[in-house]
Amino acid sequence: MAEKPSFRQALKTRRCLIPADGFYEWAILAETKNKLPLYFLNKSKAVFAFAGLWETWTSPNGEGINSVTIITIEPNALVRKFHLRMPVILPPNEYMNWLTLAAKKPDEYQTMLMPYPEDKMDCYPVSPIVNSAQNESPEMVVPFMKK
C-alpha cells in the first residue's frame, strides 16, 4: 500500500474503520464443484472493525466520488482453508491508533495489519442467497442446512 500511488496518500491521512459483524468466503465442494458460502465471525459474536482507507476522486465527468477500500492480508489458518486473503480485523485497542497515528514511515502501520487470531473466529455455512447483491436480510447469516 505504501508504494502504490492509489493508496499511498490515503494510508498517511485517510484511514478509517469499517464496522462489521462478519464476512463471507466460499468453499468449493469437491464432489459437485459447487460453491458453498461460509460466514466468518467473531466467536464472541461481537461487532468488529476492518482496517480501511477512504478517498475522494474526480470522475471523468467532473463528479466527486467517495470510495472506500478494506485492507486485506494473508489469512489466518481458519480462513486459509478457503481463501488466499482476508480482511484486516483490527483489535479494539488499535482503533484509535489506526485512526490517529501520524507515522513518519509507512512500515509503522504494519504492526497493526496482522491476521486476526483464528482461535477468536468461527465460521459456518449460510444460504446461497448471499450470492445475489440484491438480497439483504437477517437470513443471510443464519446457519444453513441442506435439505
C-alpha atoms as a PDB file:
ATOM      1  CA  MET A   1       0.000   0.000   0.000  1.00  0.00           C
ATOM      2  CA  ALA A   2       2.753   2.418   0.877  1.00  0.00           C
ATOM      3  CA  GLU A   3       4.270   2.106  -2.592  1.00  0.00           C
ATOM      4  CA  LYS A   4       1.103   2.148  -4.705  1.00  0.00           C
ATOM      5  CA  PRO A   5       0.157   5.668  -5.770  1.00  0.00           C
ATOM      6  CA  SER A   6      -3.545   4.842  -5.430  1.00  0.00           C
ATOM      7  CA  PHE A   7      -3.152   4.073  -1.696  1.00  0.00           C
ATOM      8  CA  ARG A   8      -0.035   5.961  -0.541  1.00  0.00           C
ATOM      9  CA  GLN A   9      -1.683   9.239   0.496  1.00  0.00           C
ATOM     10  CA  ALA A  10      -4.791   7.556   1.900  1.00  0.00           C
ATOM     11  CA  LEU A  11      -2.586   5.384   4.117  1.00  0.00           C
ATOM     12  CA  LYS A  12      -0.975   8.524   5.514  1.00  0.00           C
ATOM     13  CA  THR A  13      -4.082  10.644   6.053  1.00  0.00           C
ATOM     14  CA  ARG A  14      -7.365   8.867   5.238  1.00  0.00           C
ATOM     15  CA  ARG A  15      -7.600   5.728   7.338  1.00  0.00           C
ATOM     16  CA  CYS A  16     -10.996   4.548   8.562  1.00  0.00           C
ATOM     17  CA  LEU A  17     -12.755   1.771  10.451  1.00  0.00           C
ATOM     18  CA  ILE A  18     -15.439  -0.274   8.728  1.00  0.00           C
ATOM     19  CA  PRO A  19     -17.765  -1.898  11.280  1.00  0.00           C
ATOM     20  CA  ALA A  20     -18.940  -5.437  10.553  1.00  0.00           C
ATOM     21  CA  ASP A  21     -20.262  -8.496  12.282  1.00  0.00           C
ATOM     22  CA  GLY A  22     -18.771 -10.934   9.778  1.00  0.00           C
ATOM     23  CA  PHE A  23     -17.673 -11.593   6.205  1.00  0.00           C
ATOM     24  CA  TYR A  24     -18.240 -14.258   3.566  1.00  0.00           C
ATOM     25  CA  GLU A  25     -15.978 -16.635   1.690  1.00  0.00           C
ATOM     26  CA  TRP A  26     -16.874 -19.614  -0.477  1.00  0.00           C
ATOM     27  CA  ALA A  27     -15.848 -23.255  -0.091  1.00  0.00           C
ATOM     28  CA  ILE A  28     -15.737 -25.396  -3.219  1.00  0.00           C
ATOM     29  CA  LEU A  29     -17.441 -28.736  -2.618  1.00  0.00           C
ATOM     30  CA  ALA A  30     -15.191 -31.459  -4.042  1.00  0.00           C
ATOM     31  CA  GLU A  31     -17.985 -33.814  -5.046  1.00  0.00           C
ATOM     32  CA  THR A  32     -20.001 -31.278  -7.077  1.00  0.00           C
ATOM     33  CA  LYS A  33     -17.622 -28.340  -7.614  1.00  0.00           C
ATOM     34  CA  ASN A  34     -20.473 -26.129  -6.310  1.00  0.00           C
ATOM     35  CA  LYS A  35     -19.583 -23.218  -4.076  1.00  0.00           C
ATOM     36  CA  LEU A  36     -20.889 -23.142  -0.522  1.00  0.00           C
ATOM     37  CA  PRO A  37     -20.956 -19.693   1.126  1.00  0.00           C
ATOM     38  CA  LEU A  38     -19.413 -19.505   4.586  1.00  0.00           C
ATOM     39  CA  TYR A  39     -19.907 -16.769   7.147  1.00  0.00           C
ATOM     40  CA  PHE A  40     -16.853 -15.841   9.241  1.00  0.00           C
ATOM     41  CA  LEU A  41     -17.434 -14.067  12.546  1.00  0.00           C
ATOM     42  CA  ASN A  42     -16.012 -13.297  15.927  1.00  0.00           C
ATOM     43  CA  LYS A  43     -16.567 -16.259  18.304  1.00  0.00           C
ATOM     44  CA  SER A  44     -17.960 -13.766  20.807  1.00  0.00           C
ATOM     45  CA  LYS A  45     -20.391 -12.565  18.086  1.00  0.00           C
ATOM     46  CA  ALA A  46     -19.229  -9.017  18.860  1.00  0.00           C
ATOM     47  CA  VAL A  47     -19.078  -6.380  16.136  1.00  0.00           C
ATOM     48  CA  PHE A  48     -15.536  -5.671  14.972  1.00  0.00           C
ATOM     49  CA  ALA A  49     -13.832  -3.235  12.602  1.00  0.00           C
ATOM     50  CA  PHE A  50     -11.955  -3.774   9.362  1.00  0.00           C
ATOM     51  CA  ALA A  51      -8.985  -1.513   8.638  1.00  0.00           C
ATOM     52  CA  GLY A  52      -9.932   0.695   5.710  1.00  0.00           C
ATOM     53  CA  LEU A  53      -8.852   3.623   3.587  1.00  0.00           C
ATOM     54  CA  TRP A  54     -11.101   6.248   2.045  1.00  0.00           C
ATOM     55  CA  GLU A  55     -10.620   8.533  -0.890  1.00  0.00           C
ATOM     56  CA  THR A  56     -12.456  11.217  -2.819  1.00  0.00           C
ATOM     57  CA  TRP A  57     -11.629  11.366  -6.506  1.00  0.00           C
ATOM     58  CA  THR A  58     -12.989  13.141  -9.538  1.00  0.00           C
ATOM     59  CA  SER A  59     -14.722  11.112 -12.246  1.00  0.00           C
ATOM     60  CA  PRO A  60     -14.118  11.914 -15.935  1.00  0.00           C
ATOM     61  CA  ASN A  61     -17.368  13.945 -15.956  1.00  0.00           C
ATOM     62  CA  GLY A  62     -16.122  16.083 -13.040  1.00  0.00           C
ATOM     63  CA  GLU A  63     -18.284  14.485 -10.344  1.00  0.00           C
ATOM     64  CA  GLY A  64     -16.745  13.928  -6.887  1.00  0.00           C
ATOM     65  CA  ILE A  65     -16.764  10.225  -5.982  1.00  0.00           C
ATOM     66  CA  ASN A  66     -16.260   8.957  -2.439  1.00  0.00           C
ATOM     67  CA  SER A  67     -14.797   5.466  -2.203  1.00  0.00           C
ATOM     68  CA  VAL A  68     -13.536   3.132   0.477  1.00  0.00           C
ATOM     69  CA  THR A  69     -11.391   0.009   0.460  1.00  0.00           C
ATOM     70  CA  ILE A  70     -10.974  -2.740   3.022  1.00  0.00           C
ATOM     71  CA  ILE A  71      -7.340  -3.676   3.564  1.00  0.00           C
ATOM     72  CA  THR A  72      -6.605  -7.376   3.128  1.00  0.00           C
ATOM     73  CA  ILE A  73      -3.749  -9.534   4.327  1.00  0.00           C
ATOM     74  CA  GLU A  74      -2.577 -13.132   4.218  1.00  0.00           C
ATOM     75  CA  PRO A  75      -5.195 -15.237   6.009  1.00  0.00           C
ATOM     76  CA  ASN A  76      -5.055 -16.935   9.369  1.00  0.00           C
ATOM     77  CA  ALA A  77      -5.213 -20.770   9.445  1.00  0.00           C
ATOM     78  CA  LEU A  78      -9.034 -20.862   9.516  1.00  0.00           C
ATOM     79  CA  VAL A  79      -9.599 -18.593   6.506  1.00  0.00           C
ATOM     80  CA  ARG A  80      -6.618 -20.058   4.596  1.00  0.00           C
ATOM     81  CA  LYS A  81      -8.629 -23.253   4.035  1.00  0.00           C
ATOM     82  CA  PHE A  82     -10.940 -21.226   1.778  1.00  0.00           C
ATOM     83  CA  HIS A  83      -9.149 -18.126   0.507  1.00  0.00           C
ATOM     84  CA  LEU A  84      -5.686 -16.605  -0.016  1.00  0.00           C
ATOM     85  CA  ARG A  85      -6.559 -13.265   1.628  1.00  0.00           C
ATOM     86  CA  MET A  86      -8.710 -11.998   4.466  1.00  0.00           C
ATOM     87  CA  PRO A  87      -9.757  -8.542   5.640  1.00  0.00           C
ATOM     88  CA  VAL A  88      -7.645  -6.939   8.352  1.00  0.00           C
ATOM     89  CA  ILE A  89      -9.733  -7.061  11.537  1.00  0.00           C
ATOM     90  CA  LEU A  90      -8.289  -4.595  13.999  1.00  0.00           C
ATOM     91  CA  PRO A  91      -8.416  -5.363  17.723  1.00  0.00           C
ATOM     92  CA  PRO A  92     -10.385  -2.675  19.613  1.00  0.00           C
ATOM     93  CA  ASN A  93      -7.253  -1.453  21.417  1.00  0.00           C
ATOM     94  CA  GLU A  94      -5.814  -0.451  17.998  1.00  0.00           C
ATOM     95  CA  TYR A  95      -8.816   1.549  16.735  1.00  0.00           C
ATOM     96  CA  MET A  96      -7.566   4.947  17.912  1.00  0.00           C
ATOM     97  CA  ASN A  97      -4.004   4.189  16.793  1.00  0.00           C
ATOM     98  CA  TRP A  98      -5.249   3.286  13.313  1.00  0.00           C
ATOM     99  CA  LEU A  99      -7.287   6.464  13.067  1.00  0.00           C
ATOM    100  CA  THR A 100      -4.787   8.912  14.579  1.00  0.00           C
ATOM    101  CA  LEU A 101      -1.226   7.599  14.193  1.00  0.00           C
ATOM    102  CA  ALA A 102       0.805  10.079  12.181  1.00  0.00           C
ATOM    103  CA  ALA A 103       3.506   7.602  11.175  1.00  0.00           C
ATOM    104  CA  LYS A 104       6.634   9.044   9.673  1.00  0.00           C
ATOM    105  CA  LYS A 105       7.376   5.793   7.816  1.00  0.00           C
ATOM    106  CA  PRO A 106       4.755   3.579   6.132  1.00  0.00           C
ATOM    107  CA  ASP A 107       6.020   0.427   7.859  1.00  0.00           C
ATOM    108  CA  GLU A 108       4.932   1.887  11.214  1.00  0.00           C
ATOM    109  CA  TYR A 109       1.371   0.863  10.285  1.00  0.00           C
ATOM    110  CA  GLN A 110       2.382  -2.724   9.546  1.00  0.00           C
ATOM    111  CA  THR A 111       2.300  -3.812  13.187  1.00  0.00           C
ATOM    112  CA  MET A 112      -1.475  -3.207  13.164  1.00  0.00           C
ATOM    113  CA  LEU A 113      -2.064  -5.062   9.891  1.00  0.00           C
ATOM    114  CA  MET A 114      -1.972  -8.645  11.103  1.00  0.00           C
ATOM    115  CA  PRO A 115      -4.281 -11.635  10.554  1.00  0.00           C
ATOM    116  CA  TYR A 116      -6.943 -11.852  13.235  1.00  0.00           C
ATOM    117  CA  PRO A 117      -6.282 -14.855  15.537  1.00  0.00           C
ATOM    118  CA  GLU A 118      -8.083 -17.943  14.242  1.00  0.00           C
ATOM    119  CA  ASP A 119      -8.888 -19.087  17.780  1.00  0.00           C
ATOM    120  CA  LYS A 120     -11.102 -15.972  18.155  1.00  0.00           C
ATOM    121  CA  MET A 121     -13.033 -16.718  14.942  1.00  0.00           C
ATOM    122  CA  ASP A 122     -15.701 -19.134  13.840  1.00  0.00           C
ATOM    123  CA  CYS A 123     -17.361 -19.938  10.518  1.00  0.00           C
ATOM    124  CA  TYR A 124     -20.385 -21.846   9.308  1.00  0.00           C
ATOM    125  CA  PRO A 125     -22.283 -22.413   6.042  1.00  0.00           C
ATOM    126  CA  VAL A 126     -25.032 -19.957   5.110  1.00  0.00           C
ATOM    127  CA  SER A 127     -27.731 -19.890   2.464  1.00  0.00           C
ATOM    128  CA  PRO A 128     -26.820 -19.393  -1.204  1.00  0.00           C
ATOM    129  CA  ILE A 129     -28.998 -16.258  -1.109  1.00  0.00           C
ATOM    130  CA  VAL A 130     -25.766 -14.401  -0.292  1.00  0.00           C
ATOM    131  CA  ASN A 131     -24.729 -14.952  -3.919  1.00  0.00           C
ATOM    132  CA  SER A 132     -27.003 -12.104  -5.049  1.00  0.00           C
ATOM    133  CA  ALA A 133     -26.225  -8.495  -4.139  1.00  0.00           C
ATOM    134  CA  GLN A 134     -29.971  -7.803  -4.299  1.00  0.00           C
ATOM    135  CA  ASN A 135     -30.563  -9.872  -1.150  1.00  0.00           C
ATOM    136  CA  GLU A 136     -30.294  -8.087   2.180  1.00  0.00           C
ATOM    137  CA  SER A 137     -31.866  -9.810   5.169  1.00  0.00           C
ATOM    138  CA  PRO A 138     -31.040 -11.371   8.540  1.00  0.00           C
ATOM    139  CA  GLU A 139     -31.430 -14.795   6.871  1.00  0.00           C
ATOM    140  CA  MET A 140     -28.075 -14.232   5.203  1.00  0.00           C
ATOM    141  CA  VAL A 141     -26.210 -15.057   8.416  1.00  0.00           C
ATOM    142  CA  VAL A 142     -28.415 -17.893   9.692  1.00  0.00           C
ATOM    143  CA  PRO A 143     -26.644 -21.271   9.668  1.00  0.00           C
ATOM    144  CA  PHE A 144     -27.709 -23.177   6.553  1.00  0.00           C
ATOM    145  CA  MET A 145     -28.642 -26.820   6.464  1.00  0.00           C
ATOM    146  CA  LYS A 146     -29.113 -28.550   3.133  1.00  0.00           C
ATOM    147  CA  LYS A 147     -32.467 -30.240   2.715  1.00  0.00           C
END
